[in-house]
Amino acid sequence: MKKLFKHRLTWPVAALAALVVINTIARPQFLSLTVKENQLYGPLVTILRDSAPLMLVALGMTLVIATRGIDLSVGAVMAVSGAVSLTIIARSEAPGSFATVAIAVIVGILVALVLGVWNGFLVSVLGIQPIIATLVLMLAGRGVALLITGGAITTVVSPPYKWIAAGYIAYLPVAMFISIAAIVAVALFERRTALGVLTEAVGINPEASRLAGVRSRSIIWGAYIVSGVLAGVAGIIFAGRTMAADANAAGFMIELYAILAVVLGGTSLMGGKFSIAGTVIGVLIIQTLDSTILFLGVPSAQKPLFFAIVVVIVVLIQSTRVHDFGRSVGQRFARKEPTDIRIDEEVAA
C-alpha cells in the first residue's frame, strides 16, 4: 500500500478520477455517448478531441524538461506552422485538393522542424540558457506569423484540411488518433530504446554524462527538434478547427499549460526522470478541468483564477512534504510518547 501511495502516478490518476466523478455527479450526461452519422459524440469524446494540440505540445515539453531545459516558443511555433499551411492553401488555385493540403501540411511541419533546430542550436551548441533561447522565438515567432499572413487573419475553405481537426475515423475524431500516434511513438523511442535512459542521464548531470561518453549535445538538440515538430503538428490541428490563421490567438499561453501538464504528471522541472504516462494524465486533467469550468459558467475573466486555485490544490495533494507532514501529525495523535504516559501517571498519583 505504501508503494502505491509513493508512486508518481497515484495522485495524478486520483485527481483525474475525482474530476470525472464531480462532473458525473453535477451532470449525469457527462459519461453519455451518442452516435450520429457514424460519428461518436459526448463530453468525453470532446475532451479527447480538444486535448490533441495540448497533448502534442506537452509530449515535446516533457522531453525538453527531462534534459533540464524549457521551451517557451511552442505557442509561437504553432502560430507559424498554421500560418504557413493556411497561406499555401489560400494562395493555391485548388484549396480543396488533397495534394495542396498535403503540401501545406508538410511545409508547415518542416518550418516547425527548422524552428526546433534553431532552438536546439542556441541551447546545445551556443550554450544559451534555455529560457532565454526559447524566449527569443517566443517573442519573434508571432511577428513572423504576422508577416506570413500579411498582418491579417487568413481564412480558407478546404474540407480536406478541416478534416484533420474535425474529421472522424471509425466513429472517433482524427485529432485524437494523431495524439495517440504521437504518444505511442514517443513512448516507444523513449522507453523501448536506450534513448530514454540517456535523456534522463543528461538531465540529471549533463557534464557527467558527457564524460561517460554520452552525446549530451545531440540528446538536447534532438529534444528541441521533437518539441518543435510536435508543436508544428499542433498548430496545424489548431488552425484546422477554425480554418483561420490567427497569429495572436494560435497557441496562446499553451506553453504554460504544457509545462503545468508535465509537472502535474510527476516530472520534475529540475530534469532527469520523466513520465510520458504522467504527462498524458496531466493533459487530461487540464482539459477536463477546462470543460468543468465552462460547465460551471465561470466568466472568461475569472477562469484563470479558478484554474489556478484548483491546480494549487492538486499540486499540494501531490507534494511529498505535505504527505510527510500529515503522516507525522497522524502519528502524534495516534499514540503518546512514553514520557507523556509517565507524566500522566504521576499526575494521577
Protein backbone atom coordinates (compact mmCIF):
# COMPACT_ATOMS: atom_id res chain seq x y z
CA MET A 1 0.00 0.00 0.00
CA LYS A 2 2.86 2.38 0.84
CA LYS A 3 4.42 1.76 -2.57
CA LEU A 4 1.12 2.59 -4.20
CA PHE A 5 0.88 5.97 -2.47
CA LYS A 6 4.50 6.75 -3.28
CA HIS A 7 4.07 6.01 -6.98
CA ARG A 8 4.33 9.17 -9.07
CA LEU A 9 1.12 8.41 -10.99
CA THR A 10 -1.10 7.70 -7.99
CA TRP A 11 -2.11 11.27 -7.19
CA PRO A 12 -2.48 12.46 -10.82
CA VAL A 13 -4.78 9.50 -11.51
CA ALA A 14 -6.69 10.23 -8.31
CA ALA A 15 -7.10 13.89 -9.32
CA LEU A 16 -8.37 12.92 -12.76
CA ALA A 17 -10.77 10.37 -11.28
CA ALA A 18 -12.06 12.99 -8.82
CA LEU A 19 -12.77 15.41 -11.66
CA VAL A 20 -14.65 12.72 -13.57
CA VAL A 21 -16.74 11.85 -10.50
CA ILE A 22 -17.52 15.52 -9.78
CA ASN A 23 -18.57 16.12 -13.38
CA THR A 24 -20.68 12.96 -13.42
CA ILE A 25 -22.50 14.00 -10.23
CA ALA A 26 -23.04 17.57 -11.48
CA ARG A 27 -24.21 16.44 -14.91
CA PRO A 28 -25.01 12.73 -15.38
CA GLN A 29 -24.78 13.15 -19.16
CA PHE A 30 -21.03 13.63 -18.77
CA LEU A 31 -20.45 9.91 -19.42
CA SER A 32 -23.11 9.60 -22.11
CA LEU A 33 -22.16 8.74 -25.68
CA THR A 34 -24.28 9.07 -28.81
CA VAL A 35 -23.73 8.06 -32.41
CA LYS A 36 -24.82 10.36 -35.23
CA GLU A 37 -23.92 9.74 -38.86
CA ASN A 38 -21.23 7.22 -37.91
CA GLN A 39 -19.63 9.72 -35.53
CA LEU A 40 -19.33 9.34 -31.77
CA TYR A 41 -20.33 12.35 -29.68
CA GLY A 42 -20.21 13.12 -25.97
CA PRO A 43 -18.30 15.17 -23.39
CA LEU A 44 -15.57 12.55 -23.07
CA VAL A 45 -15.04 12.43 -26.83
CA THR A 46 -14.91 16.23 -26.91
CA ILE A 47 -12.24 16.27 -24.20
CA LEU A 48 -10.12 13.74 -26.08
CA ARG A 49 -10.50 15.66 -29.35
CA ASP A 50 -9.84 19.12 -27.92
CA SER A 51 -6.84 17.94 -25.91
CA ALA A 52 -4.89 16.92 -29.05
CA PRO A 53 -2.91 20.19 -29.53
CA LEU A 54 -2.00 20.42 -25.85
CA MET A 55 -1.13 16.71 -25.78
CA LEU A 56 1.32 17.10 -28.66
CA VAL A 57 2.95 20.19 -27.17
CA ALA A 58 3.17 18.62 -23.70
CA LEU A 59 4.87 15.49 -25.06
CA GLY A 60 7.60 17.59 -26.62
CA MET A 61 7.84 19.71 -23.48
CA THR A 62 8.34 16.56 -21.41
CA LEU A 63 11.48 15.62 -23.36
CA VAL A 64 12.84 19.16 -23.14
CA ILE A 65 12.23 19.38 -19.40
CA ALA A 66 13.81 15.95 -18.96
CA THR A 67 17.05 17.42 -20.34
CA ARG A 68 16.84 20.20 -17.73
CA GLY A 69 15.53 22.69 -20.29
CA ILE A 70 12.35 24.59 -21.13
CA ASP A 71 10.67 25.59 -24.38
CA LEU A 72 8.66 28.81 -24.23
CA SER A 73 8.36 29.07 -28.01
CA VAL A 74 5.87 26.25 -28.67
CA GLY A 75 2.92 28.63 -28.94
CA ALA A 76 4.78 30.79 -31.46
CA VAL A 77 5.78 27.69 -33.43
CA MET A 78 2.11 26.70 -33.57
CA ALA A 79 1.23 30.14 -34.93
CA VAL A 80 3.93 29.98 -37.61
CA SER A 81 3.05 26.43 -38.66
CA GLY A 82 -0.65 27.23 -39.00
CA ALA A 83 0.10 30.49 -40.85
CA VAL A 84 2.38 28.75 -43.35
CA SER A 85 -0.07 25.93 -44.04
CA LEU A 86 -3.15 28.11 -44.49
CA THR A 87 -1.27 30.69 -46.57
CA ILE A 88 -0.19 27.98 -49.01
CA ILE A 89 -3.75 26.72 -49.27
CA ALA A 90 -5.17 30.25 -49.64
CA ARG A 91 -2.80 31.07 -52.50
CA SER A 92 -3.42 27.78 -54.27
CA GLU A 93 -5.73 27.50 -57.25
CA ALA A 94 -7.22 24.34 -55.76
CA PRO A 95 -7.58 24.86 -51.98
CA GLY A 96 -9.81 21.82 -51.70
CA SER A 97 -7.31 19.50 -53.36
CA PHE A 98 -5.80 16.71 -51.27
CA ALA A 99 -2.39 17.31 -52.88
CA THR A 100 -2.49 21.00 -51.95
CA VAL A 101 -3.38 20.21 -48.35
CA ALA A 102 -0.66 17.54 -48.14
CA ILE A 103 1.97 20.00 -49.40
CA ALA A 104 0.74 22.69 -46.99
CA VAL A 105 0.88 20.33 -44.02
CA ILE A 106 4.35 19.02 -44.92
CA VAL A 107 5.75 22.52 -45.41
CA GLY A 108 4.21 23.69 -42.12
CA ILE A 109 5.80 20.80 -40.24
CA LEU A 110 9.17 21.37 -41.97
CA VAL A 111 9.12 25.01 -40.92
CA ALA A 112 8.40 23.92 -37.35
CA LEU A 113 11.29 21.47 -37.57
CA VAL A 114 13.63 24.28 -38.65
CA LEU A 115 12.48 26.37 -35.69
CA GLY A 116 13.13 23.41 -33.39
CA VAL A 117 16.61 23.05 -34.87
CA TRP A 118 17.21 26.75 -34.20
CA ASN A 119 16.19 26.42 -30.54
CA GLY A 120 18.35 23.34 -30.11
CA PHE A 121 21.31 25.08 -31.72
CA LEU A 122 21.08 28.03 -29.34
CA VAL A 123 20.83 25.79 -26.29
CA SER A 124 23.09 22.83 -27.05
CA VAL A 125 25.77 24.42 -29.28
CA LEU A 126 25.96 28.05 -28.19
CA GLY A 127 25.18 27.21 -24.56
CA ILE A 128 22.49 29.86 -24.12
CA GLN A 129 20.14 29.29 -21.20
CA PRO A 130 17.00 27.51 -22.47
CA ILE A 131 14.58 30.08 -21.05
CA ILE A 132 16.41 32.89 -22.87
CA ALA A 133 17.00 30.97 -26.10
CA THR A 134 13.35 29.98 -26.49
CA LEU A 135 12.10 33.36 -25.27
CA VAL A 136 13.66 34.88 -28.40
CA LEU A 137 11.49 32.76 -30.68
CA MET A 138 8.51 33.17 -28.39
CA LEU A 139 8.62 36.93 -28.97
CA ALA A 140 9.67 36.86 -32.63
CA GLY A 141 7.62 33.88 -33.79
CA ARG A 142 4.24 35.58 -33.76
CA GLY A 143 5.75 38.51 -35.63
CA VAL A 144 6.95 36.06 -38.28
CA ALA A 145 3.46 34.56 -38.45
CA LEU A 146 2.00 38.05 -38.97
CA LEU A 147 4.47 38.69 -41.78
CA ILE A 148 3.45 35.43 -43.45
CA THR A 149 -0.25 36.30 -43.30
CA GLY A 150 0.31 39.94 -44.18
CA GLY A 151 -0.87 41.14 -40.78
CA ALA A 152 -4.39 39.80 -41.31
CA ILE A 153 -6.28 36.68 -40.29
CA THR A 154 -6.04 34.26 -43.23
CA THR A 155 -9.19 32.20 -43.73
CA VAL A 156 -9.72 29.40 -46.24
CA VAL A 157 -12.33 26.85 -47.23
CA SER A 158 -10.71 23.44 -47.58
CA PRO A 159 -12.63 20.34 -46.47
CA PRO A 160 -9.53 18.06 -46.53
CA TYR A 161 -7.66 20.42 -44.21
CA LYS A 162 -10.62 20.84 -41.85
CA TRP A 163 -10.91 17.04 -41.72
CA ILE A 164 -7.58 16.93 -39.85
CA ALA A 165 -9.09 18.76 -36.88
CA ALA A 166 -12.80 17.95 -37.16
CA GLY A 167 -12.90 14.70 -39.15
CA TYR A 168 -13.71 11.20 -37.90
CA ILE A 169 -12.29 7.72 -38.50
CA ALA A 170 -14.10 4.65 -37.18
CA TYR A 171 -16.52 6.81 -35.13
CA LEU A 172 -13.66 8.67 -33.38
CA PRO A 173 -12.02 12.08 -34.07
CA VAL A 174 -8.97 12.20 -36.32
CA ALA A 175 -7.24 14.63 -33.93
CA MET A 176 -7.46 12.01 -31.18
CA PHE A 177 -5.76 9.42 -33.40
CA ILE A 178 -2.98 11.89 -34.16
CA SER A 179 -2.33 12.48 -30.47
CA ILE A 180 -2.41 8.72 -29.76
CA ALA A 181 0.09 8.11 -32.57
CA ALA A 182 2.39 10.75 -31.07
CA ILE A 183 2.08 9.21 -27.59
CA VAL A 184 2.91 5.74 -28.90
CA ALA A 185 5.85 6.98 -30.99
CA VAL A 186 7.42 8.97 -28.14
CA ALA A 187 6.84 6.13 -25.66
CA LEU A 188 8.43 3.55 -27.96
CA PHE A 189 11.52 5.65 -28.66
CA GLU A 190 11.98 6.77 -25.08
CA ARG A 191 11.04 3.61 -23.17
CA ARG A 192 11.85 0.77 -25.57
CA THR A 193 15.29 2.04 -26.53
CA ALA A 194 18.29 3.43 -24.68
CA LEU A 195 17.28 6.95 -25.67
CA GLY A 196 15.09 7.43 -22.61
CA VAL A 197 17.86 6.40 -20.22
CA LEU A 198 20.33 8.69 -21.98
CA THR A 199 17.84 11.56 -21.83
CA GLU A 200 17.39 11.09 -18.09
CA ALA A 201 21.16 10.83 -17.60
CA VAL A 202 21.70 14.12 -19.42
CA GLY A 203 19.01 15.77 -17.32
CA ILE A 204 20.42 14.51 -14.04
CA ASN A 205 24.04 15.50 -14.77
CA PRO A 206 24.98 16.74 -18.26
CA GLU A 207 28.70 17.00 -17.51
CA ALA A 208 28.96 13.51 -16.03
CA SER A 209 27.03 12.14 -19.00
CA ARG A 210 29.44 13.80 -21.41
CA LEU A 211 32.44 12.38 -19.56
CA ALA A 212 30.79 8.94 -19.69
CA GLY A 213 30.63 9.13 -23.48
CA VAL A 214 27.01 10.21 -23.87
CA ARG A 215 26.45 12.73 -26.65
CA SER A 216 24.57 15.14 -24.43
CA ARG A 217 24.61 17.86 -27.09
CA SER A 218 22.83 15.61 -29.58
CA ILE A 219 20.31 14.47 -26.98
CA ILE A 220 19.42 18.04 -26.01
CA TRP A 221 19.31 19.19 -29.62
CA GLY A 222 17.04 16.28 -30.54
CA ALA A 223 14.63 17.10 -27.70
CA TYR A 224 14.11 20.63 -29.02
CA ILE A 225 13.67 19.34 -32.55
CA VAL A 226 10.96 16.91 -31.42
CA SER A 227 9.31 19.69 -29.42
CA GLY A 228 9.28 21.93 -32.50
CA VAL A 229 7.83 19.25 -34.78
CA LEU A 230 5.07 18.30 -32.35
CA ALA A 231 4.22 21.98 -31.83
CA GLY A 232 4.02 22.34 -35.60
CA VAL A 233 1.54 19.47 -35.86
CA ALA A 234 -0.45 21.01 -33.00
CA GLY A 235 -0.54 24.31 -34.90
CA ILE A 236 -1.96 22.60 -37.97
CA ILE A 237 -4.71 20.97 -35.90
CA PHE A 238 -5.48 24.25 -34.14
CA ALA A 239 -5.74 26.13 -37.45
CA GLY A 240 -7.94 23.38 -38.85
CA ARG A 241 -10.57 23.95 -36.14
CA THR A 242 -11.44 27.46 -37.29
CA MET A 243 -9.86 27.32 -40.76
CA ALA A 244 -8.17 30.61 -39.90
CA ALA A 245 -4.55 31.56 -39.22
CA ASP A 246 -4.66 33.97 -36.30
CA ALA A 247 -1.08 34.71 -35.22
CA ASN A 248 -2.17 36.21 -31.91
CA ALA A 249 -4.66 33.52 -30.85
CA ALA A 250 -2.92 30.36 -32.06
CA GLY A 251 -1.27 28.59 -29.16
CA PHE A 252 -1.83 31.49 -26.78
CA MET A 253 -0.41 30.54 -23.34
CA ILE A 254 -0.22 26.87 -24.38
CA GLU A 255 3.42 26.73 -23.28
CA LEU A 256 2.32 27.43 -19.70
CA TYR A 257 -0.42 24.80 -19.80
CA ALA A 258 2.05 22.30 -21.29
CA ILE A 259 4.56 22.92 -18.50
CA LEU A 260 1.75 22.58 -15.98
CA ALA A 261 0.62 19.26 -17.51
CA VAL A 262 4.17 17.91 -17.33
CA VAL A 263 4.54 18.93 -13.68
CA LEU A 264 1.11 17.56 -12.74
CA GLY A 265 2.20 14.28 -14.33
CA GLY A 266 5.07 13.94 -11.89
CA THR A 267 8.03 15.14 -13.99
CA SER A 268 10.39 17.45 -12.13
CA LEU A 269 11.41 20.80 -13.61
CA MET A 270 14.93 20.02 -12.38
CA GLY A 271 15.30 17.46 -15.18
CA GLY A 272 16.11 13.78 -15.11
CA LYS A 273 13.39 11.18 -14.68
CA PHE A 274 10.23 11.85 -16.66
CA SER A 275 6.89 10.15 -17.23
CA ILE A 276 5.10 10.01 -20.57
CA ALA A 277 2.05 8.42 -18.93
CA GLY A 278 2.09 11.16 -16.29
CA THR A 279 2.10 13.85 -18.97
CA VAL A 280 -0.88 12.23 -20.70
CA ILE A 281 -2.79 12.20 -17.41
CA GLY A 282 -1.74 15.80 -16.72
CA VAL A 283 -3.13 16.93 -20.08
CA LEU A 284 -6.41 15.11 -19.45
CA ILE A 285 -6.66 16.77 -16.01
CA ILE A 286 -6.25 20.22 -17.55
CA GLN A 287 -8.69 19.55 -20.39
CA THR A 288 -11.28 18.04 -18.05
CA LEU A 289 -10.87 20.95 -15.67
CA ASP A 290 -11.35 23.38 -18.54
CA SER A 291 -14.55 21.57 -19.50
CA THR A 292 -15.71 21.75 -15.87
CA ILE A 293 -15.06 25.48 -15.71
CA LEU A 294 -17.08 26.07 -18.88
CA PHE A 295 -19.95 23.97 -17.50
CA LEU A 296 -19.99 25.96 -14.24
CA GLY A 297 -20.37 29.14 -16.25
CA VAL A 298 -17.26 30.82 -14.89
CA PRO A 299 -16.68 34.12 -16.76
CA SER A 300 -13.63 34.25 -19.02
CA ALA A 301 -12.02 36.95 -16.87
CA GLN A 302 -12.26 34.73 -13.77
CA LYS A 303 -11.28 31.49 -15.47
CA PRO A 304 -7.51 31.78 -14.83
CA LEU A 305 -8.08 32.42 -11.11
CA PHE A 306 -10.42 29.44 -10.76
CA PHE A 307 -7.98 27.29 -12.71
CA ALA A 308 -5.04 28.39 -10.54
CA ILE A 309 -6.88 27.58 -7.29
CA VAL A 310 -7.71 24.06 -8.40
CA VAL A 311 -4.19 23.46 -9.70
CA VAL A 312 -2.67 24.61 -6.39
CA ILE A 313 -4.89 22.12 -4.57
CA VAL A 314 -3.81 19.31 -6.89
CA VAL A 315 -0.13 20.21 -6.51
CA LEU A 316 -0.42 20.30 -2.71
CA ILE A 317 -2.04 16.88 -2.75
CA GLN A 318 0.92 15.54 -4.73
CA SER A 319 3.56 17.22 -2.55
CA THR A 320 5.76 14.76 -0.64
CA ARG A 321 6.33 17.33 2.11
CA VAL A 322 2.59 17.64 2.66
CA HIS A 323 2.36 13.86 2.84
CA ASP A 324 5.22 13.69 5.36
CA PHE A 325 3.67 16.45 7.48
CA GLY A 326 0.28 14.76 7.50
CA ARG A 327 1.89 11.43 8.39
CA SER A 328 3.81 12.94 11.31
CA VAL A 329 0.70 14.69 12.64
CA GLY A 330 -1.26 11.47 12.38
CA GLN A 331 1.39 9.55 14.29
CA ARG A 332 1.38 12.12 17.09
CA PHE A 333 -2.35 11.81 17.63
CA ALA A 334 -2.36 8.05 17.18
CA ARG A 335 -0.08 7.30 20.09
CA LYS A 336 1.51 9.01 23.09
CA GLU A 337 5.20 9.01 23.80
CA PRO A 338 6.39 7.01 26.87
CA THR A 339 7.40 10.24 28.62
CA ASP A 340 3.89 11.59 28.24
CA ILE A 341 2.46 8.39 29.73
CA ARG A 342 4.72 8.58 32.80
CA ILE A 343 3.77 12.22 33.36
CA ASP A 344 0.08 11.30 33.22
CA GLU A 345 0.61 8.50 35.78
CA GLU A 346 2.48 10.86 38.17
CA VAL A 347 -0.29 13.44 37.95
CA ALA A 348 -2.90 10.77 38.67
CA ALA A 349 -0.95 9.56 41.72
